[in-house]
N, C-alpha and C. Protein backbone atom coordinates (compact mmCIF):
# COMPACT_ATOMS: atom_id res chain seq x y z
N MET A 1 15.62 14.33 -25.92
CA MET A 1 14.52 14.93 -25.35
C MET A 1 14.99 15.02 -23.85
N ARG A 2 14.20 16.09 -23.54
CA ARG A 2 14.87 17.15 -22.08
C ARG A 2 13.62 16.93 -21.27
N ILE A 3 13.92 16.50 -19.98
CA ILE A 3 12.62 16.46 -19.21
C ILE A 3 12.99 17.93 -18.30
N ASP A 4 11.64 18.23 -18.03
CA ASP A 4 11.74 19.88 -17.75
C ASP A 4 11.44 19.27 -15.61
N PHE A 5 12.66 19.68 -14.84
CA PHE A 5 12.55 19.15 -13.54
C PHE A 5 11.50 19.45 -12.88
N PHE A 6 10.79 21.02 -13.03
CA PHE A 6 10.06 21.75 -12.71
C PHE A 6 8.39 21.16 -12.94
N LYS A 7 8.61 20.58 -13.99
CA LYS A 7 7.20 19.83 -14.44
C LYS A 7 7.01 18.37 -14.08
N LEU A 8 8.12 17.90 -14.04
CA LEU A 8 8.13 16.36 -13.55
C LEU A 8 7.95 16.35 -11.92
N THR A 9 8.36 17.46 -11.22
CA THR A 9 8.06 17.59 -10.09
C THR A 9 6.52 17.85 -9.78
N ALA A 10 5.97 18.98 -10.80
CA ALA A 10 4.36 19.32 -10.34
C ALA A 10 3.62 18.18 -10.68
N LEU A 11 3.94 17.24 -11.48
CA LEU A 11 3.25 16.21 -12.05
C LEU A 11 3.13 15.18 -10.94
N TYR A 12 4.53 14.80 -10.40
CA TYR A 12 4.41 14.21 -9.50
C TYR A 12 3.40 14.77 -7.71
N ILE A 13 3.92 15.77 -7.73
CA ILE A 13 2.93 15.95 -6.15
C ILE A 13 1.47 16.22 -6.75
N GLY A 14 0.98 16.42 -8.20
CA GLY A 14 -0.26 16.35 -8.17
C GLY A 14 -0.72 15.02 -8.28
N ALA A 15 0.00 13.92 -8.36
CA ALA A 15 -0.42 12.77 -8.42
C ALA A 15 -0.52 11.99 -7.07
N ILE A 16 0.19 12.53 -6.00
CA ILE A 16 0.23 12.28 -4.44
C ILE A 16 -1.05 13.05 -4.16
N LEU A 17 -1.43 13.99 -4.44
CA LEU A 17 -2.84 14.81 -3.94
C LEU A 17 -3.59 14.25 -4.56
N VAL A 18 -3.85 13.71 -5.76
CA VAL A 18 -4.72 12.56 -6.03
C VAL A 18 -5.37 11.83 -5.45
N LEU A 19 -4.01 10.93 -5.57
CA LEU A 19 -3.92 9.52 -4.30
C LEU A 19 -4.67 9.81 -3.37
N ALA A 20 -3.86 10.95 -2.29
CA ALA A 20 -4.51 11.35 -1.12
C ALA A 20 -5.65 11.59 -0.91
N SER A 21 -6.25 12.15 -2.18
CA SER A 21 -7.83 12.73 -1.55
C SER A 21 -8.72 11.47 -1.92
N CYS A 22 -8.28 10.23 -2.47
CA CYS A 22 -9.43 9.38 -2.13
C CYS A 22 -9.38 8.14 -1.25
N GLY A 23 -8.20 9.04 -0.05
CA GLY A 23 -8.13 8.17 1.33
C GLY A 23 -9.07 8.81 2.24
N GLY A 24 -10.11 9.11 1.91
CA GLY A 24 -11.17 9.73 3.22
C GLY A 24 -11.83 8.42 3.81
N LEU A 25 -12.94 8.89 4.75
CA LEU A 25 -13.59 7.66 5.75
C LEU A 25 -14.76 7.30 4.79
N GLN A 26 -14.63 6.14 5.05
CA GLN A 26 -15.95 5.38 4.38
C GLN A 26 -17.28 5.21 5.46
N GLN A 27 -18.29 4.84 4.86
CA GLN A 27 -19.22 4.85 5.73
C GLN A 27 -19.03 4.33 6.87
N GLN A 28 -19.84 4.63 8.18
CA GLN A 28 -19.33 4.33 9.53
C GLN A 28 -19.74 2.89 10.03
N VAL A 29 -19.17 1.92 10.28
CA VAL A 29 -19.49 0.84 10.61
C VAL A 29 -19.65 0.57 12.15
N THR A 30 -21.02 0.41 12.59
CA THR A 30 -21.08 0.41 14.10
C THR A 30 -21.25 -1.13 14.92
N THR A 31 -20.69 -1.09 15.75
CA THR A 31 -20.46 -2.23 16.30
C THR A 31 -21.48 -2.74 17.34
N GLY A 32 -22.17 -1.75 17.56
CA GLY A 32 -23.58 -1.96 18.59
C GLY A 32 -23.18 -1.70 20.00
N GLY A 33 -24.22 -1.81 21.00
CA GLY A 33 -23.95 -1.64 22.68
C GLY A 33 -23.92 -2.58 23.01
N GLY A 34 -23.76 -2.49 24.39
CA GLY A 34 -23.85 -3.34 25.35
C GLY A 34 -22.51 -4.40 25.97
N GLY A 35 -21.39 -4.01 25.42
CA GLY A 35 -20.00 -4.13 25.80
C GLY A 35 -19.64 -5.63 25.25
N GLY A 36 -18.71 -5.68 26.23
CA GLY A 36 -18.38 -7.11 25.75
C GLY A 36 -17.41 -6.98 24.40
N GLU A 37 -16.84 -8.31 24.05
CA GLU A 37 -15.93 -8.54 22.72
C GLU A 37 -17.16 -8.20 21.59
N LYS A 38 -16.24 -7.41 20.37
CA LYS A 38 -16.80 -7.21 19.19
C LYS A 38 -16.13 -7.51 18.32
N SER A 39 -16.56 -8.27 17.10
CA SER A 39 -15.46 -8.75 15.94
C SER A 39 -15.87 -7.96 14.77
N ILE A 40 -14.93 -7.50 14.35
CA ILE A 40 -14.70 -6.64 12.92
C ILE A 40 -13.71 -7.26 12.09
N ALA A 41 -14.05 -7.86 10.86
CA ALA A 41 -13.10 -8.45 9.70
C ALA A 41 -12.97 -7.07 8.72
N MET A 42 -11.51 -6.87 9.10
CA MET A 42 -10.96 -6.04 8.11
C MET A 42 -9.86 -6.11 7.15
N GLU A 43 -9.91 -5.14 6.03
CA GLU A 43 -9.10 -5.63 4.75
C GLU A 43 -8.06 -4.69 5.08
N ALA A 44 -6.76 -5.02 4.80
CA ALA A 44 -5.79 -3.94 4.24
C ALA A 44 -5.16 -4.36 3.12
N ASP A 45 -4.84 -3.15 2.42
CA ASP A 45 -4.62 -3.16 0.95
C ASP A 45 -3.64 -1.91 0.39
N SER A 46 -3.37 -2.09 -0.77
CA SER A 46 -2.53 -0.74 -1.03
C SER A 46 -3.27 0.61 -0.57
N PHE A 47 -2.91 1.37 0.41
CA PHE A 47 -3.10 2.74 0.91
C PHE A 47 -4.69 2.43 1.27
N LYS A 48 -4.96 1.46 1.71
CA LYS A 48 -6.41 1.52 2.45
C LYS A 48 -6.68 0.46 3.18
N PHE A 49 -7.49 0.80 4.87
CA PHE A 49 -8.09 -0.22 5.32
C PHE A 49 -9.67 -0.25 5.01
N THR A 50 -10.11 -0.85 5.10
CA THR A 50 -11.80 -1.39 4.91
C THR A 50 -12.24 -2.13 5.89
N PRO A 51 -13.04 -1.71 6.88
CA PRO A 51 -13.66 -0.54 6.84
C PRO A 51 -12.53 0.31 7.43
N ASN A 52 -12.60 1.60 7.63
CA ASN A 52 -11.78 2.66 8.09
C ASN A 52 -12.29 3.69 8.94
N ASN A 53 -13.60 3.48 9.32
CA ASN A 53 -14.19 4.15 9.88
C ASN A 53 -15.58 3.59 10.69
N ILE A 54 -15.01 3.15 12.37
CA ILE A 54 -16.05 2.16 13.22
C ILE A 54 -16.43 3.20 14.63
N LYS A 55 -17.47 2.48 14.74
CA LYS A 55 -18.09 3.39 15.90
C LYS A 55 -18.18 2.08 16.84
N ALA A 56 -18.06 2.77 17.95
CA ALA A 56 -18.12 1.50 19.34
C ALA A 56 -18.34 2.60 20.18
N TYR A 57 -17.94 1.24 21.53
CA TYR A 57 -18.63 2.19 23.35
C TYR A 57 -17.50 2.03 24.12
N GLU A 58 -17.31 2.86 24.73
CA GLU A 58 -16.38 2.71 25.89
C GLU A 58 -16.76 1.52 26.68
N GLY A 59 -15.23 0.92 26.87
CA GLY A 59 -15.45 -0.14 27.50
C GLY A 59 -15.49 -1.80 26.63
N ASP A 60 -15.80 -1.31 25.56
CA ASP A 60 -16.06 -2.46 24.42
C ASP A 60 -14.48 -2.88 24.15
N VAL A 61 -14.39 -4.17 23.72
CA VAL A 61 -13.27 -4.71 23.45
C VAL A 61 -13.45 -5.18 21.93
N LEU A 62 -12.28 -4.50 20.99
CA LEU A 62 -12.71 -5.13 19.41
C LEU A 62 -11.66 -6.11 19.25
N VAL A 63 -12.26 -6.88 18.44
CA VAL A 63 -11.51 -7.80 17.81
C VAL A 63 -11.39 -7.64 16.73
N LEU A 64 -10.11 -7.10 15.87
CA LEU A 64 -9.96 -6.94 14.30
C LEU A 64 -9.29 -8.12 13.98
N SER A 65 -9.79 -8.66 12.69
CA SER A 65 -9.30 -9.81 11.93
C SER A 65 -8.95 -9.15 10.81
N ILE A 66 -7.59 -8.71 10.46
CA ILE A 66 -7.18 -7.92 9.41
C ILE A 66 -6.56 -8.85 8.55
N ASN A 67 -6.79 -8.86 7.29
CA ASN A 67 -6.53 -9.61 6.05
C ASN A 67 -5.72 -8.73 5.14
N ASN A 68 -4.89 -9.01 5.49
CA ASN A 68 -3.60 -8.32 4.21
C ASN A 68 -3.91 -8.70 2.99
N VAL A 69 -4.34 -8.05 2.26
CA VAL A 69 -4.74 -8.56 0.83
C VAL A 69 -3.87 -8.27 -0.07
N SER A 70 -2.84 -7.54 0.06
CA SER A 70 -1.88 -6.89 -0.74
C SER A 70 -0.53 -7.82 -0.75
N GLY A 71 0.36 -7.55 -1.73
CA GLY A 71 1.65 -8.58 -1.85
C GLY A 71 2.40 -7.89 -0.99
N SER A 72 2.41 -6.65 -0.27
CA SER A 72 3.34 -6.16 0.44
C SER A 72 3.01 -6.11 2.04
N THR A 73 3.99 -5.88 2.63
CA THR A 73 3.90 -6.00 4.49
C THR A 73 3.38 -4.41 4.38
N HIS A 74 2.53 -4.68 5.38
CA HIS A 74 1.67 -3.24 5.90
C HIS A 74 2.02 -3.56 7.76
N ASN A 75 1.37 -2.41 8.20
CA ASN A 75 1.40 -2.20 9.86
C ASN A 75 -0.11 -1.82 9.85
N PHE A 76 -0.58 -2.23 11.47
CA PHE A 76 -1.44 -1.51 11.87
C PHE A 76 -1.18 -0.96 13.34
N ALA A 77 -1.38 0.42 13.12
CA ALA A 77 -0.92 1.14 14.59
C ALA A 77 -2.18 1.80 15.13
N ILE A 78 -2.39 1.95 16.10
CA ILE A 78 -3.41 2.74 16.94
C ILE A 78 -3.11 3.69 18.13
N LYS A 79 -3.76 4.90 18.23
CA LYS A 79 -3.41 5.41 19.15
C LYS A 79 -4.95 5.76 19.75
N ASP A 80 -4.64 6.24 21.34
CA ASP A 80 -5.60 6.45 22.44
C ASP A 80 -6.12 7.83 21.99
N PRO A 81 -7.16 8.23 22.60
CA PRO A 81 -7.72 9.48 22.14
C PRO A 81 -6.52 10.70 22.88
N ASP A 82 -5.77 10.02 23.43
CA ASP A 82 -4.68 11.20 24.19
C ASP A 82 -3.36 11.08 23.20
N GLY A 83 -3.55 10.17 21.91
CA GLY A 83 -2.32 10.19 21.20
C GLY A 83 -1.30 9.38 21.40
N GLN A 84 -1.67 8.53 22.73
CA GLN A 84 -0.55 7.08 23.13
C GLN A 84 -0.61 6.01 22.46
N ILE A 85 0.48 5.57 21.58
CA ILE A 85 0.15 4.62 20.71
C ILE A 85 -0.29 3.16 21.66
N LEU A 86 -1.32 2.82 21.31
CA LEU A 86 -1.72 1.31 22.11
C LEU A 86 -1.12 0.34 21.66
N GLN A 87 -0.93 -0.28 20.27
CA GLN A 87 -0.60 -1.08 19.57
C GLN A 87 0.37 -0.56 18.09
N SER A 88 1.05 -1.41 17.76
CA SER A 88 1.52 -1.49 16.82
C SER A 88 1.78 -2.95 16.27
N VAL A 89 1.57 -3.48 15.13
CA VAL A 89 1.57 -4.74 14.77
C VAL A 89 1.87 -4.90 13.58
N ASP A 90 2.74 -5.50 12.74
CA ASP A 90 3.14 -5.70 11.61
C ASP A 90 1.98 -6.59 10.64
N LEU A 91 1.61 -6.41 9.68
CA LEU A 91 0.68 -7.33 8.98
C LEU A 91 1.58 -7.61 7.46
N PRO A 92 1.85 -9.05 7.82
CA PRO A 92 2.65 -9.45 6.51
C PRO A 92 1.87 -10.06 5.32
N ALA A 93 2.33 -9.96 4.44
CA ALA A 93 1.48 -9.87 3.11
C ALA A 93 0.79 -11.14 2.96
N LYS A 94 -0.59 -11.17 2.59
CA LYS A 94 -1.50 -12.33 2.36
C LYS A 94 -1.84 -13.17 3.51
N GLN A 95 -1.77 -12.52 4.63
CA GLN A 95 -2.24 -13.22 6.11
C GLN A 95 -3.22 -12.53 6.59
N ILE A 96 -3.75 -12.83 7.74
CA ILE A 96 -4.70 -12.70 8.39
C ILE A 96 -4.08 -12.40 9.94
N VAL A 97 -4.11 -11.28 10.68
CA VAL A 97 -3.74 -11.27 12.06
C VAL A 97 -4.82 -10.70 12.87
N GLU A 98 -5.01 -11.21 13.87
CA GLU A 98 -5.91 -10.75 14.89
C GLU A 98 -5.47 -9.76 15.98
N ILE A 99 -6.16 -9.02 16.04
CA ILE A 99 -5.99 -7.64 16.90
C ILE A 99 -7.23 -7.21 18.04
N ARG A 100 -6.65 -7.28 19.33
CA ARG A 100 -7.45 -7.12 20.60
C ARG A 100 -7.09 -5.68 20.97
N ILE A 101 -8.20 -5.04 21.02
CA ILE A 101 -8.00 -3.72 21.70
C ILE A 101 -9.24 -3.33 22.64
N LYS A 102 -8.76 -3.03 23.72
CA LYS A 102 -9.77 -2.55 24.56
C LYS A 102 -9.90 -0.90 24.71
N LEU A 103 -11.21 -0.26 24.51
CA LEU A 103 -11.63 0.96 24.34
C LEU A 103 -11.79 1.40 25.95
N LEU A 104 -10.86 1.79 26.48
CA LEU A 104 -10.97 2.22 27.94
C LEU A 104 -11.67 3.61 28.09
N LYS A 105 -11.55 4.60 27.27
CA LYS A 105 -12.32 6.05 27.36
C LYS A 105 -13.31 5.75 26.01
N PRO A 106 -13.96 7.10 26.38
CA PRO A 106 -14.72 7.71 24.99
C PRO A 106 -13.62 8.69 24.30
N GLY A 107 -13.82 8.80 22.95
CA GLY A 107 -12.93 9.76 21.83
C GLY A 107 -12.60 9.08 20.91
N GLU A 108 -11.44 9.57 19.94
CA GLU A 108 -11.37 9.11 18.80
C GLU A 108 -9.96 8.17 18.75
N TYR A 109 -9.96 7.07 18.39
CA TYR A 109 -8.77 5.92 18.24
C TYR A 109 -8.23 5.97 17.04
N LEU A 110 -7.12 6.65 16.55
CA LEU A 110 -6.81 6.78 15.25
C LEU A 110 -5.80 5.84 14.72
N PHE A 111 -6.18 5.29 13.68
CA PHE A 111 -5.27 3.88 13.55
C PHE A 111 -4.85 4.31 12.19
N TYR A 112 -3.44 3.44 11.82
CA TYR A 112 -2.48 3.85 10.34
C TYR A 112 -1.70 2.84 9.91
N CYS A 113 -1.17 2.85 9.20
CA CYS A 113 0.04 1.99 8.54
C CYS A 113 1.51 3.21 8.83
N ASP A 114 2.25 2.36 9.50
CA ASP A 114 3.40 3.34 9.78
C ASP A 114 4.43 3.50 8.86
N LYS A 115 4.62 2.63 7.53
CA LYS A 115 4.99 2.15 6.70
C LYS A 115 5.14 3.82 5.79
N PRO A 116 6.12 4.02 5.66
CA PRO A 116 6.35 5.69 4.47
C PRO A 116 5.33 5.89 3.56
N MET A 117 4.93 6.96 4.16
CA MET A 117 3.93 7.38 2.77
C MET A 117 2.47 6.46 2.66
N HIS A 118 2.58 5.60 3.28
CA HIS A 118 0.83 4.80 3.29
C HIS A 118 -0.05 5.52 3.86
N SER A 119 0.29 6.23 5.05
CA SER A 119 -0.83 6.69 5.88
C SER A 119 -1.09 8.47 5.20
N PRO A 120 -0.15 9.16 4.53
CA PRO A 120 -0.42 10.13 4.14
C PRO A 120 -1.37 9.84 2.56
N LEU A 121 -1.50 8.64 1.97
CA LEU A 121 -2.04 8.22 1.03
C LEU A 121 -3.24 7.59 0.95
N GLY A 122 -3.68 7.46 2.20
CA GLY A 122 -5.19 7.00 2.66
C GLY A 122 -5.05 6.14 3.51
N MET A 123 -3.98 5.13 4.08
CA MET A 123 -4.04 3.98 4.55
C MET A 123 -4.21 4.25 6.07
N LYS A 124 -5.39 4.93 6.73
CA LYS A 124 -5.42 5.10 8.03
C LYS A 124 -7.34 5.37 8.13
N GLY A 125 -7.37 5.51 9.41
CA GLY A 125 -9.03 5.45 9.93
C GLY A 125 -8.80 5.89 11.39
N ARG A 126 -10.36 5.46 11.80
CA ARG A 126 -10.40 5.88 13.22
C ARG A 126 -11.86 4.78 13.82
N ILE A 127 -11.72 4.99 15.33
CA ILE A 127 -12.61 4.37 15.88
C ILE A 127 -13.17 5.19 16.73
N GLU A 128 -14.40 5.71 16.37
CA GLU A 128 -15.08 6.90 17.62
C GLU A 128 -16.00 5.95 18.49
N THR A 129 -15.35 6.13 19.64
CA THR A 129 -15.71 5.49 20.56
C THR A 129 -16.60 6.49 21.96
N LEU A 130 -17.96 6.13 22.08
CA LEU A 130 -19.07 6.88 22.58
C LEU A 130 -18.83 6.49 24.13
N LYS A 131 -19.26 7.20 24.84
CA LYS A 131 -19.65 6.91 26.35
C LYS A 131 -20.88 6.08 26.35
N LYS A 132 -20.94 5.05 27.22
CA LYS A 132 -22.38 4.16 27.64
C LYS A 132 -23.14 4.80 27.95
């Protein structure tokens, strides 16, 4: 039996596109106004963060308690609205890691797993930060 390289490649690319389309933003979770610390429980699993769409306010400090429920090590990297990396933290398999993020300015803070192919397959999200 001979495997056609082009058919196999097309099948592989199609599977990646299907998986990537499953990685959209979820319903937005709002932290509420008032400043100060806001706690959010988050899950890291194979190719997704839950929640992955958060609304907060300028000056808030988010305390993310990230439970990596998968059997693989993941990562949580976050960029400020200017595209500068604020933090990059490894998430060991089957462990909870707490991360504090001070939202100094309004805009989109994008977060993702920096492991190869994890972000393109849906392991990413955003924190929309509004002006007080």
